[in-house]
Amino acid sequence: MILFHTHGMEGIYLGGDGGGSTCRIGAWDRHGTLIAHATGSSSNAYVVGFDEAVRTVRFLIEDIRSRLEGRPILSFCFGNSGLARAEERTRWEAALKEILGSELPLLLVTDIHLLLAMNDPRRLGLCLISGTGSVALGRNEHGSEVRSGGMGSALGDEGSGWWIAREAIGRTLRSVEKRDLPTRMGKELLAFFKLPDYSQAISFFNSSERTKSEIARFTLVVAQAAEQGDLLALSIIEEAARELGLLVSSVQKRLEEPYPKRLIISGGTIVHNPLLHELLLKHLDERLEIHLAVEGGLEGARILAQQLITHGSASYE
């Protein structure tokens, strides 16, 4: 159990940014200086299961705690995939109170809400995430929110790392059968997933043991192939850019004015894929002020954790 009321020591703010592939926890002093940081695997319960996701977060928090030299934790904001649903927030709240204690001010939001906090001090504007999954969100000056995407792999996640990799795998196998554009990704596909030949692909990729994050890692191969002019890879990256642009335009069409015309973009898929980012810009409203959050939403977690204390409320609204 972490103790919070150690006298004579300056308190720290704890924040977390979780997703389908990685989870990061940071600790800051009252000046906003990052004093400890830890990174682990996925904290998305739909990717690794709830118990494993909690184990990851617990390990990272305990790692941070070991470096705080007894300094008290003042508040914790955790942004994570799936926390838009009340039942998920309830489960996570119980788990985090067990780790951190029931008295600690706690705020649970989706990972994309962390970006909103970075976008505008009032937590307004537009955000887009393309990581293992994909989602866009907008919030106007009346406090109304509009969301697009974020439906998971069974229903969408267009333009995400998982979607790009899945498209590449399926279409590469189609190309082997002369049913799609020519590609050089065939050998890379076999080598990346350690398959002896294409005949093993059906059982391998249809296995329930395959995870979204495992599949999504193949996106790096697709991005490299597209940069080298591979026709099939390039067509997939172009379609991913179009789909991500549609997520943003969908929010803009449905979000009532006024709201800041600022868009903050994050997620490992787009941060590590310059071509995807370049192509996406062609599909976005030219009036938007666009920022790429290379380090993700962890800074947003700090902002919201500090606001929990300064505003005296654990409500996102």
Protein backbone atom coordinates (compact mmCIF):
# COMPACT_ATOMS: atom_id res chain seq x y z
CA MET A 1 0.00 0.00 0.00
CA ILE A 2 1.31 3.46 -0.91
CA LEU A 3 1.19 6.09 1.82
CA PHE A 4 0.22 9.66 0.96
CA HIS A 5 0.68 11.81 4.03
CA THR A 6 4.40 11.66 4.71
CA HIS A 7 5.07 14.90 6.56
CA GLY A 8 7.84 17.31 5.59
CA MET A 9 8.13 16.08 2.00
CA GLU A 10 6.81 17.68 -1.15
CA GLY A 11 4.06 15.66 -2.80
CA ILE A 12 4.05 14.43 -6.38
CA TYR A 13 1.39 13.94 -9.04
CA LEU A 14 1.03 10.57 -10.70
CA GLY A 15 -0.27 10.09 -14.24
CA GLY A 16 -0.69 7.18 -16.63
CA ASP A 17 -1.17 6.83 -20.39
CA GLY A 18 -2.29 3.34 -21.34
CA GLY A 19 -3.02 1.73 -24.69
CA GLY A 20 -3.13 -1.41 -26.77
CA SER A 21 0.64 -1.83 -27.02
CA THR A 22 2.24 0.09 -24.15
CA CYS A 23 1.45 1.76 -20.85
CA ARG A 24 3.47 4.60 -19.33
CA ILE A 25 3.35 5.99 -15.82
CA GLY A 26 4.98 9.28 -14.81
CA ALA A 27 5.46 11.26 -11.60
CA TRP A 28 5.85 15.06 -11.49
CA ASP A 29 6.55 17.65 -8.83
CA ARG A 30 4.40 20.75 -8.36
CA HIS A 31 6.45 22.61 -10.97
CA GLY A 32 5.54 20.04 -13.63
CA THR A 33 9.02 18.52 -13.71
CA LEU A 34 9.04 14.81 -14.55
CA ILE A 35 10.93 13.06 -11.75
CA ALA A 36 10.21 9.39 -12.53
CA HIS A 37 8.96 7.44 -15.53
CA ALA A 38 8.23 3.77 -16.30
CA THR A 39 7.03 1.97 -19.43
CA GLY A 40 5.43 -1.46 -19.69
CA SER A 41 3.28 -3.60 -21.96
CA SER A 42 -0.40 -3.17 -22.87
CA SER A 43 -2.91 -2.01 -20.26
CA ASN A 44 -5.89 -2.59 -22.56
CA ALA A 45 -8.09 -5.25 -20.98
CA TYR A 46 -9.52 -6.14 -24.38
CA VAL A 47 -6.04 -6.94 -25.66
CA VAL A 48 -4.39 -8.76 -22.74
CA GLY A 49 -7.27 -9.40 -20.32
CA PHE A 50 -8.21 -7.33 -17.28
CA ASP A 51 -6.04 -9.14 -14.75
CA GLU A 52 -2.92 -8.85 -16.90
CA ALA A 53 -3.65 -5.18 -17.60
CA VAL A 54 -3.92 -4.48 -13.87
CA ARG A 55 -0.70 -6.39 -13.19
CA THR A 56 1.12 -4.18 -15.69
CA VAL A 57 -0.18 -0.97 -14.11
CA ARG A 58 0.57 -2.22 -10.60
CA PHE A 59 4.15 -3.10 -11.57
CA LEU A 60 4.73 0.33 -13.13
CA ILE A 61 3.28 2.18 -10.15
CA GLU A 62 5.42 0.17 -7.74
CA ASP A 63 8.45 0.84 -9.93
CA ILE A 64 7.75 4.57 -9.75
CA ARG A 65 7.14 4.39 -6.02
CA SER A 66 10.53 2.78 -5.43
CA ARG A 67 12.16 5.92 -6.85
CA LEU A 68 10.14 8.52 -4.96
CA GLU A 69 12.13 8.27 -1.71
CA GLY A 70 8.98 8.34 0.38
CA ARG A 71 7.43 11.42 -1.21
CA PRO A 72 3.63 11.36 -0.89
CA ILE A 73 1.40 10.91 -3.94
CA LEU A 74 -1.21 13.68 -4.13
CA SER A 75 -3.41 12.44 -6.98
CA PHE A 76 -3.50 10.04 -9.93
CA CYS A 77 -4.98 10.48 -13.41
CA PHE A 78 -5.10 7.36 -15.57
CA GLY A 79 -6.01 7.54 -19.24
CA ASN A 80 -6.60 4.14 -20.80
CA SER A 81 -8.37 2.46 -23.69
CA GLY A 82 -11.91 1.39 -22.79
CA LEU A 83 -12.52 3.82 -19.96
CA ALA A 84 -15.36 5.54 -21.80
CA ARG A 85 -17.56 2.68 -20.55
CA ALA A 86 -18.92 2.97 -17.02
CA GLU A 87 -18.43 -0.71 -16.20
CA GLU A 88 -14.76 -0.50 -17.17
CA ARG A 89 -14.24 2.61 -15.04
CA THR A 90 -15.83 0.83 -12.08
CA ARG A 91 -13.53 -2.17 -12.42
CA TRP A 92 -10.44 -0.03 -12.82
CA GLU A 93 -11.40 2.25 -9.94
CA ALA A 94 -11.64 -0.73 -7.60
CA ALA A 95 -8.31 -2.12 -8.80
CA LEU A 96 -6.48 1.20 -8.51
CA LYS A 97 -7.89 1.92 -5.04
CA GLU A 98 -6.53 -1.46 -3.97
CA ILE A 99 -3.11 -0.45 -5.29
CA LEU A 100 -3.10 3.19 -4.22
CA GLY A 101 -5.51 3.40 -1.31
CA SER A 102 -9.15 4.48 -1.21
CA GLU A 103 -8.50 8.10 -0.16
CA LEU A 104 -6.33 9.19 -3.07
CA PRO A 105 -8.01 11.61 -5.52
CA LEU A 106 -8.41 9.55 -8.68
CA LEU A 107 -9.50 10.44 -12.23
CA LEU A 108 -10.12 7.81 -14.91
CA VAL A 109 -10.53 8.92 -18.52
CA THR A 110 -9.96 7.48 -21.98
CA ASP A 111 -6.50 7.85 -23.44
CA ILE A 112 -7.76 10.38 -25.96
CA HIS A 113 -9.01 12.68 -23.18
CA LEU A 114 -5.38 13.07 -22.16
CA LEU A 115 -4.75 14.65 -25.56
CA LEU A 116 -7.65 17.05 -25.07
CA ALA A 117 -5.98 18.31 -21.90
CA MET A 118 -2.79 18.92 -23.91
CA ASN A 119 -4.70 20.60 -26.74
CA ASP A 120 -6.35 23.34 -24.68
CA PRO A 121 -6.29 24.34 -20.97
CA ARG A 122 -10.09 24.01 -21.02
CA ARG A 123 -9.82 20.53 -22.55
CA LEU A 124 -11.40 21.53 -25.85
CA GLY A 125 -10.72 20.94 -29.53
CA LEU A 126 -10.05 17.86 -31.66
CA CYS A 127 -7.90 14.78 -31.07
CA LEU A 128 -6.94 11.75 -33.13
CA ILE A 129 -5.17 8.59 -32.01
CA SER A 130 -3.72 6.01 -34.38
CA GLY A 131 -1.96 3.37 -32.31
CA THR A 132 -2.91 -0.27 -32.05
CA GLY A 133 -6.47 1.04 -32.45
CA SER A 134 -7.89 4.32 -33.77
CA VAL A 135 -10.33 6.94 -32.49
CA ALA A 136 -11.13 10.64 -32.87
CA LEU A 137 -12.80 12.95 -30.38
CA GLY A 138 -13.97 16.54 -30.29
CA ARG A 139 -15.18 18.70 -27.40
CA ASN A 140 -16.79 22.11 -27.81
CA GLU A 141 -17.08 25.13 -25.55
CA HIS A 142 -20.46 23.92 -24.26
CA GLY A 143 -18.83 20.74 -22.95
CA SER A 144 -20.45 18.50 -25.56
CA GLU A 145 -18.37 15.66 -26.97
CA VAL A 146 -18.48 13.82 -30.29
CA ARG A 147 -16.57 10.60 -30.87
CA SER A 148 -15.74 8.75 -34.08
CA GLY A 149 -14.27 5.25 -34.38
CA GLY A 150 -12.80 3.47 -31.39
CA MET A 151 -14.98 0.45 -32.06
CA GLY A 152 -12.29 -2.19 -31.68
CA SER A 153 -10.91 -4.71 -34.12
CA ALA A 154 -14.17 -6.58 -34.62
CA LEU A 155 -15.97 -3.47 -35.88
CA GLY A 156 -13.37 -1.06 -37.18
CA ASP A 157 -10.11 0.50 -35.94
CA GLU A 158 -9.57 1.75 -39.48
CA GLY A 159 -6.20 3.37 -40.04
CA SER A 160 -4.72 1.88 -36.88
CA GLY A 161 -1.60 -0.25 -36.58
CA TRP A 162 -3.71 -3.37 -36.25
CA TRP A 163 -5.82 -2.44 -39.30
CA ILE A 164 -2.77 -1.66 -41.46
CA ALA A 165 -1.09 -4.93 -40.49
CA ARG A 166 -4.23 -6.99 -41.00
CA GLU A 167 -4.81 -5.46 -44.43
CA ALA A 168 -1.18 -6.07 -45.37
CA ILE A 169 -1.20 -9.69 -44.24
CA GLY A 170 -4.46 -10.53 -46.00
CA ARG A 171 -3.64 -8.67 -49.18
CA THR A 172 -0.10 -10.07 -49.34
CA LEU A 173 -1.56 -13.57 -49.25
CA ARG A 174 -4.02 -12.52 -51.96
CA SER A 175 -1.08 -11.19 -53.97
CA VAL A 176 0.66 -14.55 -53.69
CA GLU A 177 -2.44 -15.98 -55.38
CA LYS A 178 -2.28 -13.23 -58.05
CA ARG A 179 -5.50 -11.64 -56.72
CA ASP A 180 -4.04 -8.28 -55.69
CA LEU A 181 -1.31 -5.77 -56.44
CA PRO A 182 2.25 -7.10 -56.67
CA THR A 183 4.29 -6.81 -53.49
CA ARG A 184 7.68 -7.66 -52.04
CA MET A 185 6.22 -8.14 -48.56
CA GLY A 186 5.75 -11.89 -48.90
CA LYS A 187 9.22 -12.88 -47.70
CA GLU A 188 9.10 -10.23 -44.97
CA LEU A 189 5.77 -11.65 -43.80
CA LEU A 190 7.16 -15.16 -43.45
CA ALA A 191 10.32 -13.96 -41.73
CA PHE A 192 8.57 -11.56 -39.36
CA PHE A 193 6.14 -14.16 -38.05
CA LYS A 194 8.65 -17.04 -38.36
CA LEU A 195 6.48 -19.05 -40.74
CA PRO A 196 8.16 -21.75 -42.85
CA ASP A 197 5.83 -21.19 -45.81
CA TYR A 198 2.49 -19.65 -46.79
CA SER A 199 0.58 -22.86 -46.07
CA GLN A 200 1.06 -22.20 -42.35
CA ALA A 201 -0.48 -18.74 -42.51
CA ILE A 202 -4.12 -19.82 -42.28
CA SER A 203 -3.81 -21.67 -39.00
CA PHE A 204 -1.36 -19.12 -37.57
CA PHE A 205 -3.38 -15.96 -38.22
CA ASN A 206 -6.75 -17.52 -37.41
CA SER A 207 -5.52 -18.77 -34.04
CA SER A 208 -7.14 -17.26 -30.95
CA GLU A 209 -3.61 -16.96 -29.54
CA ARG A 210 -2.81 -14.05 -31.88
CA THR A 211 -3.17 -10.68 -30.17
CA LYS A 212 -3.89 -7.28 -31.69
CA SER A 213 -0.57 -5.88 -30.54
CA GLU A 214 1.32 -8.88 -31.98
CA ILE A 215 -0.31 -8.35 -35.37
CA ALA A 216 0.06 -4.56 -35.20
CA ARG A 217 3.85 -4.77 -34.95
CA PHE A 218 3.93 -5.81 -38.62
CA THR A 219 2.91 -2.23 -39.47
CA LEU A 220 6.58 -1.22 -39.33
CA VAL A 221 7.34 -3.61 -42.20
CA VAL A 222 4.41 -2.19 -44.21
CA ALA A 223 5.58 1.38 -43.61
CA GLN A 224 9.11 0.56 -44.74
CA ALA A 225 7.83 -1.19 -47.85
CA ALA A 226 5.62 1.80 -48.70
CA GLU A 227 8.56 4.18 -48.32
CA GLN A 228 10.46 2.00 -50.80
CA GLY A 229 7.64 2.23 -53.33
CA ASP A 230 5.95 -1.15 -52.85
CA LEU A 231 2.62 -0.76 -54.65
CA LEU A 232 0.54 -2.87 -52.28
CA ALA A 233 2.02 -1.35 -49.13
CA LEU A 234 1.60 2.15 -50.51
CA SER A 235 -2.06 1.56 -51.34
CA ILE A 236 -2.67 0.38 -47.75
CA ILE A 237 -0.95 3.40 -46.19
CA GLU A 238 -2.89 5.71 -48.51
CA GLU A 239 -6.17 4.07 -47.48
CA ALA A 240 -5.20 4.27 -43.80
CA ALA A 241 -4.59 8.02 -44.19
CA ARG A 242 -7.97 8.44 -45.85
CA GLU A 243 -9.73 6.51 -43.07
CA LEU A 244 -8.03 8.57 -40.34
CA GLY A 245 -9.04 11.73 -42.16
CA LEU A 246 -12.63 10.48 -42.20
CA LEU A 247 -12.54 9.99 -38.42
CA VAL A 248 -11.61 13.64 -37.93
CA SER A 249 -14.06 15.00 -40.52
CA SER A 250 -16.84 12.90 -38.97
CA VAL A 251 -16.26 14.61 -35.63
CA GLN A 252 -16.15 18.05 -37.25
CA LYS A 253 -19.43 17.48 -39.08
CA ARG A 254 -21.22 16.47 -35.87
CA LEU A 255 -19.61 18.75 -33.29
CA GLU A 256 -21.54 21.96 -32.70
CA GLU A 257 -19.61 25.23 -32.86
CA PRO A 258 -17.77 26.85 -31.23
CA TYR A 259 -14.63 24.83 -30.52
CA PRO A 260 -10.91 25.56 -31.02
CA LYS A 261 -9.77 24.63 -34.53
CA ARG A 262 -6.83 22.70 -33.14
CA LEU A 263 -6.13 19.02 -33.76
CA ILE A 264 -3.63 17.04 -31.74
CA ILE A 265 -2.53 13.70 -33.22
CA SER A 266 -0.86 10.88 -31.34
CA GLY A 267 -0.29 7.13 -31.31
CA GLY A 268 2.70 5.00 -32.20
CA THR A 269 1.37 4.06 -35.64
CA ILE A 270 1.31 7.62 -36.92
CA VAL A 271 4.24 8.94 -34.87
CA HIS A 272 6.57 6.28 -36.32
CA ASN A 273 5.19 6.44 -39.87
CA PRO A 274 6.14 9.77 -41.51
CA LEU A 275 4.52 8.81 -44.80
CA LEU A 276 1.19 8.10 -43.11
CA HIS A 277 1.39 11.45 -41.34
CA GLU A 278 2.23 13.25 -44.58
CA LEU A 279 -0.65 11.62 -46.45
CA LEU A 280 -3.08 12.25 -43.60
CA LEU A 281 -2.47 16.00 -43.78
CA LYS A 282 -3.93 15.98 -47.30
CA HIS A 283 -7.23 14.65 -45.93
CA LEU A 284 -7.63 17.19 -43.11
CA ASP A 285 -9.40 20.53 -42.97
CA GLU A 286 -6.89 23.17 -44.05
CA ARG A 287 -8.18 25.53 -41.34
CA LEU A 288 -6.98 23.24 -38.55
CA GLU A 289 -3.91 23.98 -36.47
CA ILE A 290 -2.29 20.54 -36.24
CA HIS A 291 0.16 19.25 -33.64
CA LEU A 292 1.81 15.83 -33.42
CA ALA A 293 2.20 14.58 -29.84
CA VAL A 294 5.30 12.42 -30.28
CA GLU A 295 5.40 11.42 -26.62
CA GLY A 296 1.71 10.54 -26.46
CA GLY A 297 -0.72 11.76 -23.83
CA LEU A 298 1.37 11.39 -20.68
CA GLU A 299 1.68 15.16 -20.30
CA GLY A 300 -2.11 15.34 -20.37
CA ALA A 301 -2.23 12.93 -17.46
CA ARG A 302 -0.03 15.33 -15.48
CA ILE A 303 -2.28 18.29 -16.30
CA LEU A 304 -5.41 16.46 -15.19
CA ALA A 305 -3.76 15.01 -12.06
CA GLN A 306 -2.78 18.51 -10.94
CA GLN A 307 -6.25 19.85 -11.74
CA LEU A 308 -7.70 17.23 -9.41
CA ILE A 309 -6.01 19.06 -6.56
CA THR A 310 -6.30 22.67 -7.74
CA HIS A 311 -9.96 22.29 -8.78
CA GLY A 312 -10.90 20.00 -5.92
CA SER A 313 -12.89 17.64 -8.14
CA ALA A 314 -12.46 14.16 -9.57
CA SER A 315 -14.95 14.79 -12.37
CA TYR A 316 -13.72 15.17 -15.92
CA GLU A 317 -16.49 17.63 -16.63
